[in-house]
PDB file of N, CA and C in Angstrom:
ATOM      1  N   MET A   1     -15.793 -31.275 -30.171  1.00  0.00           N
ATOM      2  CA  MET A   1     -15.435 -29.889 -30.292  1.00  0.00           C
ATOM      3  C   MET A   1     -14.039 -29.687 -29.692  1.00  0.00           C
ATOM      4  N   ALA A   2     -13.170 -29.085 -30.447  1.00  0.00           N
ATOM      5  CA  ALA A   2     -11.796 -28.863 -29.999  1.00  0.00           C
ATOM      6  C   ALA A   2     -11.711 -27.602 -29.139  1.00  0.00           C
ATOM      7  N   LEU A   3     -10.865 -27.671 -28.131  1.00  0.00           N
ATOM      8  CA  LEU A   3     -10.658 -26.514 -27.269  1.00  0.00           C
ATOM      9  C   LEU A   3      -9.605 -25.586 -27.875  1.00  0.00           C
ATOM     10  N   THR A   4      -9.826 -24.327 -27.778  1.00  0.00           N
ATOM     11  CA  THR A   4      -8.828 -23.378 -28.254  1.00  0.00           C
ATOM     12  C   THR A   4      -7.739 -23.234 -27.195  1.00  0.00           C
ATOM     13  N   LYS A   5      -6.638 -22.627 -27.559  1.00  0.00           N
ATOM     14  CA  LYS A   5      -5.529 -22.458 -26.622  1.00  0.00           C
ATOM     15  C   LYS A   5      -5.954 -21.615 -25.431  1.00  0.00           C
ATOM     16  N   LYS A   6      -6.781 -20.623 -25.687  1.00  0.00           N
ATOM     17  CA  LYS A   6      -7.229 -19.751 -24.601  1.00  0.00           C
ATOM     18  C   LYS A   6      -8.063 -20.535 -23.591  1.00  0.00           C
ATOM     19  N   GLU A   7      -8.925 -21.409 -24.068  1.00  0.00           N
ATOM     20  CA  GLU A   7      -9.767 -22.207 -23.184  1.00  0.00           C
ATOM     21  C   GLU A   7      -8.951 -23.242 -22.422  1.00  0.00           C
ATOM     22  N   GLU A   8      -7.881 -23.732 -23.040  1.00  0.00           N
ATOM     23  CA  GLU A   8      -7.044 -24.732 -22.388  1.00  0.00           C
ATOM     24  C   GLU A   8      -6.291 -24.137 -21.202  1.00  0.00           C
ATOM     25  N   LYS A   9      -5.922 -22.869 -21.281  1.00  0.00           N
ATOM     26  CA  LYS A   9      -5.144 -22.230 -20.227  1.00  0.00           C
ATOM     27  C   LYS A   9      -5.980 -21.871 -19.010  1.00  0.00           C
ATOM     28  N   LYS A  10      -7.271 -21.752 -19.183  1.00  0.00           N
ATOM     29  CA  LYS A  10      -8.132 -21.393 -18.064  1.00  0.00           C
ATOM     30  C   LYS A  10      -8.163 -22.525 -17.049  1.00  0.00           C
ATOM     31  N   LYS A  11      -8.070 -22.161 -15.793  1.00  0.00           N
ATOM     32  CA  LYS A  11      -8.199 -23.170 -14.763  1.00  0.00           C
ATOM     33  C   LYS A  11      -9.464 -22.859 -13.965  1.00  0.00           C
ATOM     34  N   PRO A  12     -10.097 -23.859 -13.462  1.00  0.00           N
ATOM     35  CA  PRO A  12     -11.335 -23.613 -12.720  1.00  0.00           C
ATOM     36  C   PRO A  12     -11.059 -22.801 -11.453  1.00  0.00           C
ATOM     37  N   ILE A  13     -12.002 -21.941 -11.116  1.00  0.00           N
ATOM     38  CA  ILE A  13     -11.874 -21.109  -9.928  1.00  0.00           C
ATOM     39  C   ILE A  13     -12.920 -21.557  -8.924  1.00  0.00           C
ATOM     40  N   ASP A  14     -12.442 -21.981  -7.792  1.00  0.00           N
ATOM     41  CA  ASP A  14     -13.369 -22.323  -6.731  1.00  0.00           C
ATOM     42  C   ASP A  14     -13.286 -21.237  -5.663  1.00  0.00           C
ATOM     43  N   ASN A  15     -14.064 -21.358  -4.626  1.00  0.00           N
ATOM     44  CA  ASN A  15     -14.106 -20.326  -3.598  1.00  0.00           C
ATOM     45  C   ASN A  15     -12.777 -20.147  -2.893  1.00  0.00           C
ATOM     46  N   LEU A  16     -12.044 -21.230  -2.677  1.00  0.00           N
ATOM     47  CA  LEU A  16     -10.767 -21.126  -1.974  1.00  0.00           C
ATOM     48  C   LEU A  16      -9.713 -20.415  -2.806  1.00  0.00           C
ATOM     49  N   SER A  17      -9.616 -20.757  -4.090  1.00  0.00           N
ATOM     50  CA  SER A  17      -8.606 -20.101  -4.927  1.00  0.00           C
ATOM     51  C   SER A  17      -8.972 -18.640  -5.177  1.00  0.00           C
ATOM     52  N   TYR A  18     -10.257 -18.336  -5.297  1.00  0.00           N
ATOM     53  CA  TYR A  18     -10.699 -16.955  -5.472  1.00  0.00           C
ATOM     54  C   TYR A  18     -10.327 -16.124  -4.250  1.00  0.00           C
ATOM     55  N   LYS A  19     -10.581 -16.673  -3.072  1.00  0.00           N
ATOM     56  CA  LYS A  19     -10.280 -15.968  -1.823  1.00  0.00           C
ATOM     57  C   LYS A  19      -8.771 -15.739  -1.691  1.00  0.00           C
ATOM     58  N   ALA A  20      -7.976 -16.719  -2.031  1.00  0.00           N
ATOM     59  CA  ALA A  20      -6.523 -16.593  -1.941  1.00  0.00           C
ATOM     60  C   ALA A  20      -6.005 -15.524  -2.904  1.00  0.00           C
ATOM     61  N   GLU A  21      -6.507 -15.512  -4.124  1.00  0.00           N
ATOM     62  CA  GLU A  21      -6.084 -14.509  -5.108  1.00  0.00           C
ATOM     63  C   GLU A  21      -6.499 -13.109  -4.668  1.00  0.00           C
ATOM     64  N   LYS A  22      -7.697 -12.984  -4.112  1.00  0.00           N
ATOM     65  CA  LYS A  22      -8.181 -11.684  -3.662  1.00  0.00           C
ATOM     66  C   LYS A  22      -7.323 -11.166  -2.501  1.00  0.00           C
ATOM     67  N   GLU A  23      -6.987 -12.018  -1.556  1.00  0.00           N
ATOM     68  CA  GLU A  23      -6.140 -11.625  -0.436  1.00  0.00           C
ATOM     69  C   GLU A  23      -4.745 -11.228  -0.912  1.00  0.00           C
ATOM     70  N   LYS A  24      -4.230 -11.936  -1.905  1.00  0.00           N
ATOM     71  CA  LYS A  24      -2.916 -11.631  -2.442  1.00  0.00           C
ATOM     72  C   LYS A  24      -2.921 -10.252  -3.105  1.00  0.00           C
ATOM     73  N   ALA A  25      -3.967  -9.929  -3.854  1.00  0.00           N
ATOM     74  CA  ALA A  25      -4.077  -8.622  -4.496  1.00  0.00           C
ATOM     75  C   ALA A  25      -4.223  -7.510  -3.460  1.00  0.00           C
ATOM     76  N   GLN A  26      -4.990  -7.756  -2.416  1.00  0.00           N
ATOM     77  CA  GLN A  26      -5.159  -6.754  -1.372  1.00  0.00           C
ATOM     78  C   GLN A  26      -3.855  -6.520  -0.631  1.00  0.00           C
ATOM     79  N   GLN A  27      -3.064  -7.546  -0.446  1.00  0.00           N
ATOM     80  CA  GLN A  27      -1.784  -7.406   0.241  1.00  0.00           C
ATOM     81  C   GLN A  27      -0.842  -6.524  -0.560  1.00  0.00           C
ATOM     82  N   ARG A  28      -0.858  -6.682  -1.896  1.00  0.00           N
ATOM     83  CA  ARG A  28       0.001  -5.860  -2.732  1.00  0.00           C
ATOM     84  C   ARG A  28      -0.369  -4.389  -2.614  1.00  0.00           C
ATOM     85  N   VAL A  29      -1.662  -4.088  -2.618  1.00  0.00           N
ATOM     86  CA  VAL A  29      -2.115  -2.704  -2.477  1.00  0.00           C
ATOM     87  C   VAL A  29      -1.746  -2.171  -1.105  1.00  0.00           C
ATOM     88  N   ALA A  30      -1.877  -2.978  -0.097  1.00  0.00           N
ATOM     89  CA  ALA A  30      -1.548  -2.555   1.263  1.00  0.00           C
ATOM     90  C   ALA A  30      -0.060  -2.257   1.402  1.00  0.00           C
ATOM     91  N   ASP A  31       0.790  -2.966   0.679  1.00  0.00           N
ATOM     92  CA  ASP A  31       2.220  -2.713   0.751  1.00  0.00           C
ATOM     93  C   ASP A  31       2.549  -1.283   0.340  1.00  0.00           C
ATOM     94  N   ILE A  32       1.924  -0.811  -0.712  1.00  0.00           N
ATOM     95  CA  ILE A  32       2.183   0.542  -1.183  1.00  0.00           C
ATOM     96  C   ILE A  32       1.609   1.563  -0.213  1.00  0.00           C
ATOM     97  N   SER A  33       0.396   1.323   0.272  1.00  0.00           N
ATOM     98  CA  SER A  33      -0.232   2.294   1.153  1.00  0.00           C
ATOM     99  C   SER A  33       0.460   2.369   2.513  1.00  0.00           C
ATOM    100  N   ASP A  34       1.232   1.341   2.873  1.00  0.00           N
ATOM    101  CA  ASP A  34       2.023   1.404   4.100  1.00  0.00           C
ATOM    102  C   ASP A  34       3.206   2.360   3.955  1.00  0.00           C
ATOM    103  N   LYS A  35       3.692   2.513   2.745  1.00  0.00           N
ATOM    104  CA  LYS A  35       4.878   3.330   2.509  1.00  0.00           C
ATOM    105  C   LYS A  35       4.572   4.721   1.981  1.00  0.00           C
ATOM    106  N   MET A  36       3.401   4.896   1.376  1.00  0.00           N
ATOM    107  CA  MET A  36       3.035   6.195   0.804  1.00  0.00           C
ATOM    108  C   MET A  36       1.625   6.557   1.244  1.00  0.00           C
ATOM    109  N   SER A  37       1.397   7.840   1.480  1.00  0.00           N
ATOM    110  CA  SER A  37       0.050   8.293   1.808  1.00  0.00           C
ATOM    111  C   SER A  37      -0.769   8.412   0.516  1.00  0.00           C
ATOM    112  N   ILE A  38      -2.063   8.520   0.666  1.00  0.00           N
ATOM    113  CA  ILE A  38      -2.945   8.671  -0.495  1.00  0.00           C
ATOM    114  C   ILE A  38      -2.590   9.961  -1.247  1.00  0.00           C
ATOM    115  N   LYS A  39      -2.273  11.000  -0.506  1.00  0.00           N
ATOM    116  CA  LYS A  39      -1.883  12.269  -1.120  1.00  0.00           C
ATOM    117  C   LYS A  39      -0.630  12.075  -1.979  1.00  0.00           C
ATOM    118  N   ASP A  40       0.352  11.329  -1.466  1.00  0.00           N
ATOM    119  CA  ASP A  40       1.583  11.068  -2.218  1.00  0.00           C
ATOM    120  C   ASP A  40       1.314  10.211  -3.457  1.00  0.00           C
ATOM    121  N   ILE A  41       0.439   9.238  -3.323  1.00  0.00           N
ATOM    122  CA  ILE A  41       0.093   8.382  -4.462  1.00  0.00           C
ATOM    123  C   ILE A  41      -0.590   9.199  -5.543  1.00  0.00           C
ATOM    124  N   ASN A  42      -1.531  10.063  -5.155  1.00  0.00           N
ATOM    125  CA  ASN A  42      -2.211  10.916  -6.133  1.00  0.00           C
ATOM    126  C   ASN A  42      -1.241  11.895  -6.793  1.00  0.00           C
ATOM    127  N   GLU A  43      -0.300  12.411  -6.025  1.00  0.00           N
ATOM    128  CA  GLU A  43       0.724  13.310  -6.580  1.00  0.00           C
ATOM    129  C   GLU A  43       1.611  12.554  -7.562  1.00  0.00           C
ATOM    130  N   TYR A  44       1.965  11.307  -7.227  1.00  0.00           N
ATOM    131  CA  TYR A  44       2.747  10.482  -8.144  1.00  0.00           C
ATOM    132  C   TYR A  44       1.988  10.294  -9.451  1.00  0.00           C
ATOM    133  N   ILE A  45       0.712   9.979  -9.371  1.00  0.00           N
ATOM    134  CA  ILE A  45      -0.100   9.750 -10.571  1.00  0.00           C
ATOM    135  C   ILE A  45      -0.172  11.019 -11.413  1.00  0.00           C
ATOM    136  N   ARG A  46      -0.368  12.167 -10.752  1.00  0.00           N
ATOM    137  CA  ARG A  46      -0.451  13.436 -11.484  1.00  0.00           C
ATOM    138  C   ARG A  46       0.859  13.710 -12.220  1.00  0.00           C
ATOM    139  N   ARG A  47       1.978  13.546 -11.522  1.00  0.00           N
ATOM    140  CA  ARG A  47       3.281  13.792 -12.140  1.00  0.00           C
ATOM    141  C   ARG A  47       3.572  12.789 -13.244  1.00  0.00           C
ATOM    142  N   TYR A  48       3.250  11.541 -13.024  1.00  0.00           N
ATOM    143  CA  TYR A  48       3.500  10.493 -14.020  1.00  0.00           C
ATOM    144  C   TYR A  48       2.737  10.794 -15.304  1.00  0.00           C
ATOM    145  N   GLN A  49       1.484  11.190 -15.164  1.00  0.00           N
ATOM    146  CA  GLN A  49       0.654  11.454 -16.341  1.00  0.00           C
ATOM    147  C   GLN A  49       1.082  12.718 -17.081  1.00  0.00           C
ATOM    148  N   SER A  50       1.625  13.693 -16.355  1.00  0.00           N
ATOM    149  CA  SER A  50       2.056  14.936 -17.001  1.00  0.00           C
ATOM    150  C   SER A  50       3.490  14.842 -17.528  1.00  0.00           C
ATOM    151  N   GLY A  51       4.205  13.803 -17.190  1.00  0.00           N
ATOM    152  CA  GLY A  51       5.564  13.607 -17.672  1.00  0.00           C
ATOM    153  C   GLY A  51       6.625  14.258 -16.802  1.00  0.00           C
ATOM    154  N   GLU A  52       6.255  14.714 -15.612  1.00  0.00           N
ATOM    155  CA  GLU A  52       7.216  15.323 -14.690  1.00  0.00           C
ATOM    156  C   GLU A  52       8.033  14.233 -14.003  1.00  0.00           C
ATOM    157  N   HIS A  53       9.110  14.663 -13.323  1.00  0.00           N
ATOM    158  CA  HIS A  53       9.942  13.732 -12.569  1.00  0.00           C
ATOM    159  C   HIS A  53       9.185  13.249 -11.330  1.00  0.00           C
ATOM    160  N   VAL A  54       9.204  11.957 -11.087  1.00  0.00           N
ATOM    161  CA  VAL A  54       8.505  11.381  -9.932  1.00  0.00           C
ATOM    162  C   VAL A  54       9.455  10.911  -8.841  1.00  0.00           C
ATOM    163  N   HIS A  55      10.743  10.885  -9.130  1.00  0.00           N
ATOM    164  CA  HIS A  55      11.699  10.346  -8.155  1.00  0.00           C
ATOM    165  C   HIS A  55      11.752  11.166  -6.873  1.00  0.00           C
ATOM    166  N   GLU A  56      11.346  12.421  -6.927  1.00  0.00           N
ATOM    167  CA  GLU A  56      11.408  13.288  -5.750  1.00  0.00           C
ATOM    168  C   GLU A  56      10.389  12.899  -4.676  1.00  0.00           C
ATOM    169  N   ILE A  57       9.279  12.316  -5.084  1.00  0.00           N
ATOM    170  CA  ILE A  57       8.226  11.998  -4.113  1.00  0.00           C
ATOM    171  C   ILE A  57       8.210  10.530  -3.706  1.00  0.00           C
ATOM    172  N   LEU A  58       9.028   9.711  -4.351  1.00  0.00           N
ATOM    173  CA  LEU A  58       9.055   8.288  -4.012  1.00  0.00           C
ATOM    174  C   LEU A  58       9.847   8.069  -2.729  1.00  0.00           C
ATOM    175  N   PRO A  59       9.280   7.329  -1.788  1.00  0.00           N
ATOM    176  CA  PRO A  59      10.024   7.048  -0.563  1.00  0.00           C
ATOM    177  C   PRO A  59      11.146   6.040  -0.829  1.00  0.00           C
ATOM    178  N   PRO A  60      12.215   6.108  -0.069  1.00  0.00           N
ATOM    179  CA  PRO A  60      13.297   5.133  -0.262  1.00  0.00           C
ATOM    180  C   PRO A  60      12.846   3.733   0.155  1.00  0.00           C
ATOM    181  N   GLY A  61      13.377   2.750  -0.509  1.00  0.00           N
ATOM    182  CA  GLY A  61      13.092   1.371  -0.133  1.00  0.00           C
ATOM    183  C   GLY A  61      11.935   0.729  -0.879  1.00  0.00           C
ATOM    184  N   LEU A  62      11.394   1.391  -1.914  1.00  0.00           N
ATOM    185  CA  LEU A  62      10.340   0.745  -2.703  1.00  0.00           C
ATOM    186  C   LEU A  62      10.956  -0.357  -3.557  1.00  0.00           C
ATOM    187  N   THR A  63      10.258  -1.465  -3.641  1.00  0.00           N
ATOM    188  CA  THR A  63      10.732  -2.565  -4.470  1.00  0.00           C
ATOM    189  C   THR A  63      10.306  -2.339  -5.913  1.00  0.00           C
ATOM    190  N   LYS A  64      10.895  -3.102  -6.798  1.00  0.00           N
ATOM    191  CA  LYS A  64      10.548  -2.999  -8.212  1.00  0.00           C
ATOM    192  C   LYS A  64       9.074  -3.336  -8.416  1.00  0.00           C
ATOM    193  N   GLU A  65       8.587  -4.327  -7.696  1.00  0.00           N
ATOM    194  CA  GLU A  65       7.183  -4.727  -7.808  1.00  0.00           C
ATOM    195  C   GLU A  65       6.256  -3.581  -7.397  1.00  0.00           C
ATOM    196  N   GLU A  66       6.617  -2.870  -6.341  1.00  0.00           N
ATOM    197  CA  GLU A  66       5.791  -1.747  -5.886  1.00  0.00           C
ATOM    198  C   GLU A  66       5.818  -0.599  -6.885  1.00  0.00           C
ATOM    199  N   LEU A  67       6.958  -0.365  -7.516  1.00  0.00           N
ATOM    200  CA  LEU A  67       7.037   0.665  -8.547  1.00  0.00           C
ATOM    201  C   LEU A  67       6.172   0.303  -9.751  1.00  0.00           C
ATOM    202  N   ILE A  68       6.166  -0.957 -10.103  1.00  0.00           N
ATOM    203  CA  ILE A  68       5.336  -1.420 -11.213  1.00  0.00           C
ATOM    204  C   ILE A  68       3.857  -1.259 -10.863  1.00  0.00           C
ATOM    205  N   GLN A  69       3.497  -1.535  -9.613  1.00  0.00           N
ATOM    206  CA  GLN A  69       2.113  -1.362  -9.178  1.00  0.00           C
ATOM    207  C   GLN A  69       1.693   0.099  -9.257  1.00  0.00           C
ATOM    208  N   LEU A  70       2.564   1.005  -8.854  1.00  0.00           N
ATOM    209  CA  LEU A  70       2.266   2.432  -8.966  1.00  0.00           C
ATOM    210  C   LEU A  70       2.076   2.835 -10.425  1.00  0.00           C
ATOM    211  N   GLN A  71       2.935   2.336 -11.283  1.00  0.00           N
ATOM    212  CA  GLN A  71       2.829   2.663 -12.698  1.00  0.00           C
ATOM    213  C   GLN A  71       1.525   2.107 -13.275  1.00  0.00           C
ATOM    214  N   ASN A  72       1.166   0.891 -12.920  1.00  0.00           N
ATOM    215  CA  ASN A  72      -0.081   0.309 -13.397  1.00  0.00           C
ATOM    216  C   ASN A  72      -1.294   1.092 -12.893  1.00  0.00           C
ATOM    217  N   LEU A  73      -1.232   1.545 -11.657  1.00  0.00           N
ATOM    218  CA  LEU A  73      -2.306   2.345 -11.100  1.00  0.00           C
ATOM    219  C   LEU A  73      -2.452   3.661 -11.874  1.00  0.00           C
ATOM    220  N   ALA A  74      -1.329   4.289 -12.184  1.00  0.00           N
ATOM    221  CA  ALA A  74      -1.361   5.532 -12.963  1.00  0.00           C
ATOM    222  C   ALA A  74      -1.898   5.284 -14.364  1.00  0.00           C
ATOM    223  N   ASP A  75      -1.531   4.157 -14.970  1.00  0.00           N
ATOM    224  CA  ASP A  75      -2.027   3.835 -16.310  1.00  0.00           C
ATOM    225  C   ASP A  75      -3.532   3.600 -16.320  1.00  0.00           C
ATOM    226  N   LYS A  76      -4.059   3.012 -15.238  1.00  0.00           N
ATOM    227  CA  LYS A  76      -5.489   2.755 -15.156  1.00  0.00           C
ATOM    228  C   LYS A  76      -6.302   4.031 -15.035  1.00  0.00           C
ATOM    229  N   ARG A  77      -5.716   5.057 -14.435  1.00  0.00           N
ATOM    230  CA  ARG A  77      -6.435   6.315 -14.195  1.00  0.00           C
ATOM    231  C   ARG A  77      -6.369   7.292 -15.359  1.00  0.00           C
ATOM    232  N   THR A  78      -5.827   6.866 -16.490  1.00  0.00           N
ATOM    233  CA  THR A  78      -5.762   7.774 -17.636  1.00  0.00           C
ATOM    234  C   THR A  78      -7.065   7.815 -18.374  1.00  0.00           C
TER     235      THR A  78
END
């Protein structure tokens, strides 16, 4: 039986790699919550979804990765 391309790309997940990936994802979320309060994040999501300007509520010093995370979070809540 031949493997499809999708099956070939999958790598096995053991407990150590799962734990490392989970910690990495939690760290990314923590980075945003260190710079913005939950109220500010919810306000960003509300403005993003309604098409209003969001630059007024963004704190200075956010990285591109953190902005992408905020956008992804807003997209998930639609």
